[in-house]
Amino acid sequence: MTSRPLRLVPVVGTDHFEFRTADGTRLDVEADGPVDAAVSVIFVHGYTLNLTSFRHQRATLDAAGGNVRRIYFDQRGFGRSARGPRGPRGPRGTASLDQLALDLAELVEAAPGAVVLVGHSMGGMVVQALAGLRPDLIGGRVRGTVLIASARSGREIDLHGLERVARLAGPCLLRSLQRVRPVVRLAGRLPFDLAAWVMHDRRALAVHRRAFAEMVEANPLDVLADYLAAMFAYDARAGVAELGRTETVVLSGRSDLVIPVAVSRRLARSIPGARLVLVERAGHMVTFEDAAAVDDAIAGVVAKVLAAR
């Protein structure tokens, strides 16, 4: 299968490089801004996506006086990053949100200056997992957090009554479909286009739904199976309050059908001092649907982190 292009928004002056994690996994990274910046913003993408899901945030933070480095990366198994070494149960051995959080910890430690973490959907779950696994980084290297369309637990994901079916049968179905991927291709873009409708507000631009569908379609289905199981098994409620030691914003689209506003409210209440931002006319892909609102939230956190230095 010919992969669709994953680099749809070229950025002048972007550094493109490989980052090797402690277990040797190659992560694909893009970054712009000075390598000795006072603040680094690390963008952590969601399930089925890749670093281009933040394409509309590429121009954000320009008003920060050039003292901010923006770091975008494909999480292991997604986009152009490697899956990682085989674990005790085959390639799924390293497919966990805790492992993604440990990868993120290494990026945090390698980034210049104070760090602001921006996590969308599963990426926000990874940020929360980091808070539980590496609380020493929170309030230390990590000074700011923006959690977008995210949940504290896989149990809070809303699939409109199909959660149990998806949790029990979804991973097996996706792995089976990967083995007959040529048959899946006969369905064309229809499954991915349907997913795009669920992930966006009904008034979303067609170009945004198309970009989302392209990212989903580019994924190996067995990778999606592994991380679907990982998300349902995830629970960061025990450690999420650690993020209260950072400047935190929780942001949600009011039309989000996957992570309803009530879930975002609970997340914000779980983090001391967190501010909740609700975005009108936006669904789960609020990073596409209202980039300005997302940019404002990030820029506000970055400004406070810069001012506190």
Protein backbone atom coordinates (compact mmCIF):
# COMPACT_ATOMS: atom_id res chain seq x y z
CA MET A 1 0.00 0.00 0.00
CA THR A 2 1.35 3.40 -0.95
CA SER A 3 1.45 5.69 2.07
CA ARG A 4 -0.23 9.05 1.78
CA PRO A 5 2.04 12.06 2.38
CA LEU A 6 2.46 12.85 6.07
CA ARG A 7 4.25 16.17 5.71
CA LEU A 8 1.48 18.36 4.34
CA VAL A 9 2.59 21.65 5.92
CA PRO A 10 6.20 22.49 5.14
CA VAL A 11 7.75 24.91 7.61
CA VAL A 12 10.61 27.17 6.59
CA GLY A 13 13.59 26.62 8.84
CA THR A 14 12.27 23.39 10.40
CA ASP A 15 14.81 20.96 11.82
CA HIS A 16 13.98 17.35 10.92
CA PHE A 17 15.83 14.64 12.79
CA GLU A 18 15.65 11.24 14.46
CA PHE A 19 15.53 10.84 18.21
CA ARG A 20 16.62 7.51 19.69
CA THR A 21 14.96 6.44 22.92
CA ALA A 22 16.65 4.42 25.66
CA ASP A 23 15.42 1.15 24.14
CA GLY A 24 16.69 2.13 20.70
CA THR A 25 13.36 3.11 19.14
CA ARG A 26 13.63 5.73 16.41
CA LEU A 27 11.21 8.65 16.77
CA ASP A 28 10.66 11.07 13.90
CA VAL A 29 10.93 14.66 15.15
CA GLU A 30 10.47 18.11 13.64
CA ALA A 31 11.33 21.30 15.51
CA ASP A 32 11.59 25.00 14.87
CA GLY A 33 12.81 27.91 16.94
CA PRO A 34 16.19 28.45 18.64
CA VAL A 35 17.97 25.42 20.07
CA ASP A 36 18.79 27.44 23.21
CA ALA A 37 15.25 28.78 23.73
CA ALA A 38 13.97 29.72 27.17
CA VAL A 39 10.88 27.57 26.66
CA SER A 40 10.22 24.43 24.63
CA VAL A 41 6.69 23.43 23.64
CA ILE A 42 6.37 19.69 22.96
CA PHE A 43 3.29 18.64 21.00
CA VAL A 44 1.97 15.12 21.71
CA HIS A 45 -0.51 13.85 19.11
CA GLY A 46 -3.52 11.61 19.55
CA TYR A 47 -4.61 8.11 18.60
CA THR A 48 -4.64 7.34 14.84
CA LEU A 49 -2.80 10.61 14.17
CA ASN A 50 0.75 11.88 13.69
CA LEU A 51 2.67 15.10 14.19
CA THR A 52 0.87 16.83 11.33
CA SER A 53 -2.30 16.90 13.45
CA PHE A 54 -0.78 20.11 14.85
CA ARG A 55 -0.29 21.61 11.40
CA HIS A 56 -2.37 24.66 12.32
CA GLN A 57 -0.25 25.31 15.41
CA ARG A 58 2.94 25.62 13.35
CA ALA A 59 2.72 29.40 13.28
CA THR A 60 1.70 29.86 16.90
CA LEU A 61 3.87 31.55 19.54
CA ASP A 62 5.58 33.83 17.01
CA ALA A 63 4.78 36.71 19.36
CA ALA A 64 6.98 35.16 22.05
CA GLY A 65 10.00 37.04 20.73
CA GLY A 66 11.70 34.05 19.14
CA ASN A 67 12.49 32.58 22.56
CA VAL A 68 10.39 29.43 22.11
CA ARG A 69 11.27 26.11 20.49
CA ARG A 70 8.38 24.03 19.09
CA ILE A 71 8.92 20.27 18.99
CA TYR A 72 6.60 17.92 17.08
CA PHE A 73 7.10 14.16 16.98
CA ASP A 74 5.43 10.97 15.83
CA GLN A 75 4.81 8.69 18.80
CA ARG A 76 6.23 5.18 18.49
CA GLY A 77 4.28 3.14 15.96
CA PHE A 78 2.64 6.18 14.36
CA GLY A 79 3.61 8.30 11.37
CA ARG A 80 7.26 7.78 10.52
CA SER A 81 8.40 6.57 13.93
CA ALA A 82 9.41 2.96 14.53
CA ARG A 83 7.26 0.60 16.60
CA GLY A 84 10.00 -0.31 19.02
CA PRO A 85 11.56 -3.64 19.99
CA ARG A 86 9.48 -6.74 20.48
CA GLY A 87 8.20 -7.20 24.00
CA PRO A 88 7.25 -10.34 25.89
CA ARG A 89 4.01 -10.67 23.89
CA GLY A 90 5.43 -9.84 20.48
CA PRO A 91 5.32 -6.32 18.97
CA ARG A 92 2.54 -5.33 21.40
CA GLY A 93 4.95 -5.58 24.33
CA THR A 94 5.94 -1.91 24.10
CA ALA A 95 2.53 -0.59 22.96
CA SER A 96 1.38 1.05 26.18
CA LEU A 97 0.65 4.58 27.28
CA ASP A 98 3.25 4.19 30.03
CA GLN A 99 5.88 3.47 27.37
CA LEU A 100 4.77 6.52 25.38
CA ALA A 101 5.06 8.55 28.59
CA LEU A 102 8.62 7.31 29.13
CA ASP A 103 9.45 8.31 25.53
CA LEU A 104 8.03 11.75 26.29
CA ALA A 105 10.13 11.98 29.45
CA GLU A 106 13.28 11.51 27.36
CA LEU A 107 12.20 14.29 24.98
CA VAL A 108 11.49 16.58 27.94
CA GLU A 109 14.96 15.97 29.34
CA ALA A 110 16.55 16.68 25.95
CA ALA A 111 14.59 19.88 25.23
CA PRO A 112 16.00 23.34 26.00
CA GLY A 113 14.64 25.55 28.77
CA ALA A 114 11.40 25.14 30.66
CA VAL A 115 8.92 22.82 28.96
CA VAL A 116 5.25 23.22 28.10
CA LEU A 117 3.46 20.00 27.11
CA VAL A 118 0.54 20.11 24.67
CA GLY A 119 -1.35 16.83 24.46
CA HIS A 120 -4.34 16.14 22.22
CA SER A 121 -6.68 13.22 22.96
CA MET A 122 -4.46 10.15 23.60
CA GLY A 123 -1.54 12.59 23.69
CA GLY A 124 -3.16 14.26 26.69
CA MET A 125 -3.45 10.84 28.32
CA VAL A 126 0.27 10.32 27.74
CA VAL A 127 1.00 13.65 29.47
CA GLN A 128 -1.09 12.55 32.44
CA ALA A 129 0.68 9.18 32.51
CA LEU A 130 3.98 11.06 32.61
CA ALA A 131 2.79 12.96 35.69
CA GLY A 132 2.23 9.67 37.48
CA LEU A 133 5.43 7.98 36.32
CA ARG A 134 7.82 10.93 36.56
CA PRO A 135 6.44 13.42 39.09
CA ASP A 136 9.99 14.76 39.46
CA LEU A 137 9.63 16.38 36.04
CA ILE A 138 6.33 18.10 36.85
CA GLY A 139 6.92 21.56 38.24
CA GLY A 140 10.62 21.09 37.52
CA ARG A 141 11.42 20.82 33.81
CA VAL A 142 7.71 20.83 32.93
CA ARG A 143 6.19 24.21 33.84
CA GLY A 144 3.07 24.28 31.66
CA THR A 145 0.44 21.88 30.36
CA VAL A 146 -2.33 22.13 27.77
CA LEU A 147 -4.66 19.11 27.65
CA ILE A 148 -6.92 19.10 24.60
CA ALA A 149 -9.96 16.79 24.24
CA SER A 150 -8.52 14.36 26.76
CA ALA A 151 -9.68 12.10 29.60
CA ARG A 152 -8.31 10.79 32.89
CA SER A 153 -9.24 7.19 32.11
CA GLY A 154 -10.02 4.98 29.12
CA ARG A 155 -13.34 4.26 30.82
CA GLU A 156 -14.38 7.86 30.11
CA ILE A 157 -14.11 7.51 26.33
CA ASP A 158 -17.62 7.79 24.88
CA LEU A 159 -18.44 5.48 21.95
CA HIS A 160 -22.20 5.91 22.32
CA GLY A 161 -22.97 2.60 23.94
CA LEU A 162 -20.36 0.62 22.01
CA GLU A 163 -17.55 1.00 24.56
CA ARG A 164 -17.71 -2.60 25.80
CA VAL A 165 -17.82 -3.99 22.25
CA ALA A 166 -14.88 -1.82 21.20
CA ARG A 167 -12.87 -2.75 24.28
CA LEU A 168 -13.42 -6.50 23.92
CA ALA A 169 -13.60 -6.99 20.15
CA GLY A 170 -12.01 -3.88 18.60
CA PRO A 171 -8.33 -4.86 18.91
CA CYS A 172 -8.93 -8.39 17.56
CA LEU A 173 -10.99 -7.04 14.67
CA LEU A 174 -8.34 -4.49 13.69
CA ARG A 175 -5.56 -7.10 13.78
CA SER A 176 -7.64 -9.41 11.62
CA LEU A 177 -8.32 -6.62 9.14
CA GLN A 178 -4.59 -5.84 8.94
CA ARG A 179 -3.99 -9.41 7.74
CA VAL A 180 -6.47 -8.86 4.89
CA ARG A 181 -5.60 -5.21 4.22
CA PRO A 182 -6.06 -5.64 0.42
CA VAL A 183 -9.70 -6.55 1.10
CA VAL A 184 -10.08 -3.54 3.39
CA ARG A 185 -8.90 -1.33 0.52
CA LEU A 186 -11.97 -2.33 -1.45
CA ALA A 187 -14.02 -0.20 0.91
CA GLY A 188 -11.98 2.80 -0.23
CA ARG A 189 -12.05 5.89 1.97
CA LEU A 190 -15.55 5.26 3.34
CA PRO A 191 -14.57 3.92 6.83
CA PHE A 192 -12.07 6.74 7.32
CA ASP A 193 -14.48 9.39 6.08
CA LEU A 194 -17.14 8.12 8.51
CA ALA A 195 -14.64 8.37 11.35
CA ALA A 196 -13.87 11.94 10.30
CA TRP A 197 -17.53 12.89 10.62
CA VAL A 198 -17.64 11.55 14.18
CA MET A 199 -14.47 13.42 15.16
CA HIS A 200 -15.59 16.83 13.89
CA ASP A 201 -18.43 19.23 14.49
CA ARG A 202 -21.04 18.87 11.75
CA ARG A 203 -20.11 22.35 10.45
CA ALA A 204 -16.41 21.49 10.07
CA LEU A 205 -14.70 22.22 6.76
CA ALA A 206 -14.42 19.32 4.33
CA VAL A 207 -10.66 19.92 4.03
CA HIS A 208 -10.28 19.30 7.78
CA ARG A 209 -12.23 16.05 7.67
CA ARG A 210 -10.21 14.94 4.64
CA ALA A 211 -6.89 15.66 6.38
CA PHE A 212 -8.01 13.65 9.41
CA ALA A 213 -9.12 10.71 7.24
CA GLU A 214 -5.75 10.68 5.46
CA MET A 215 -3.87 10.43 8.75
CA VAL A 216 -6.05 7.58 9.99
CA GLU A 217 -5.77 5.68 6.71
CA ALA A 218 -1.97 5.83 6.79
CA ASN A 219 -1.77 3.74 9.99
CA PRO A 220 -1.12 -0.01 10.12
CA LEU A 221 -4.31 -1.47 11.58
CA ASP A 222 -2.43 -3.69 14.02
CA VAL A 223 -0.81 -0.60 15.53
CA LEU A 224 -4.28 0.90 15.98
CA ALA A 225 -5.35 -2.37 17.62
CA ASP A 226 -2.47 -2.26 20.10
CA TYR A 227 -3.11 1.32 21.16
CA LEU A 228 -6.88 0.94 21.26
CA ALA A 229 -6.36 -1.76 23.90
CA ALA A 230 -3.78 0.47 25.64
CA MET A 231 -6.19 3.41 25.83
CA PHE A 232 -9.02 1.37 27.31
CA ALA A 233 -6.60 -0.04 29.92
CA TYR A 234 -5.25 3.40 30.82
CA ASP A 235 -6.10 5.13 34.10
CA ALA A 236 -4.14 8.20 35.25
CA ARG A 237 -6.51 9.38 37.98
CA ALA A 238 -4.03 8.56 40.76
CA GLY A 239 -1.34 10.90 39.42
CA VAL A 240 -3.12 13.59 37.43
CA ALA A 241 -3.21 16.05 40.35
CA GLU A 242 0.58 16.34 40.01
CA LEU A 243 -0.08 18.60 37.01
CA GLY A 244 -1.37 21.20 39.45
CA ARG A 245 2.27 22.17 39.92
CA THR A 246 2.25 23.52 36.36
CA GLU A 247 0.31 26.28 34.63
CA THR A 248 -2.52 24.14 33.19
CA VAL A 249 -5.33 24.62 30.68
CA VAL A 250 -7.89 21.94 29.82
CA LEU A 251 -9.51 22.65 26.45
CA SER A 252 -12.57 20.96 24.92
CA GLY A 253 -14.78 21.38 21.87
CA ARG A 254 -18.40 21.68 22.92
CA SER A 255 -19.43 19.28 20.13
CA ASP A 256 -16.89 16.58 21.03
CA LEU A 257 -18.69 13.22 20.71
CA VAL A 258 -15.73 11.13 21.96
CA ILE A 259 -14.59 13.09 25.02
CA PRO A 260 -17.73 14.94 26.12
CA VAL A 261 -17.50 18.28 27.90
CA ALA A 262 -18.46 16.59 31.20
CA VAL A 263 -15.27 14.49 30.96
CA SER A 264 -13.16 17.60 30.39
CA ARG A 265 -14.81 19.29 33.36
CA ARG A 266 -13.89 16.33 35.58
CA LEU A 267 -10.33 16.44 34.30
CA ALA A 268 -10.03 20.16 35.05
CA ARG A 269 -11.43 19.66 38.56
CA SER A 270 -8.83 16.94 39.17
CA ILE A 271 -5.94 19.37 38.58
CA PRO A 272 -5.57 22.11 41.22
CA GLY A 273 -5.64 25.54 39.59
CA ALA A 274 -6.43 24.26 36.08
CA ARG A 275 -8.43 26.53 33.79
CA LEU A 276 -11.16 25.04 31.56
CA VAL A 277 -11.66 26.46 28.05
CA LEU A 278 -14.72 25.38 26.05
CA VAL A 279 -14.67 26.03 22.30
CA GLU A 280 -17.91 26.57 20.41
CA ARG A 281 -18.61 24.85 17.07
CA ALA A 282 -15.75 22.38 17.51
CA GLY A 283 -15.58 18.63 18.03
CA HIS A 284 -12.79 16.24 18.96
CA MET A 285 -10.45 17.67 16.30
CA VAL A 286 -10.58 21.15 17.78
CA THR A 287 -6.92 21.64 16.76
CA PHE A 288 -8.21 21.81 13.17
CA GLU A 289 -11.63 23.31 13.74
CA ASP A 290 -10.63 26.33 15.83
CA ALA A 291 -6.86 26.66 15.64
CA ALA A 292 -7.02 30.21 16.98
CA ALA A 293 -8.60 29.08 20.27
CA VAL A 294 -5.96 26.37 20.67
CA ASP A 295 -3.19 28.83 19.81
CA ASP A 296 -4.49 31.33 22.38
CA ALA A 297 -4.52 28.68 25.10
CA ILE A 298 -0.96 27.59 24.31
CA ALA A 299 0.34 31.13 23.98
CA GLY A 300 -1.25 32.10 27.31
CA VAL A 301 0.48 29.24 29.12
CA VAL A 302 3.81 29.97 27.42
CA ALA A 303 3.58 33.66 28.34
CA LYS A 304 3.08 32.78 32.01
CA VAL A 305 5.96 30.33 31.97
CA LEU A 306 8.23 32.91 30.35
CA ALA A 307 7.18 35.56 32.85
CA ALA A 308 7.93 33.25 35.77
CA ARG A 309 11.53 32.62 34.70
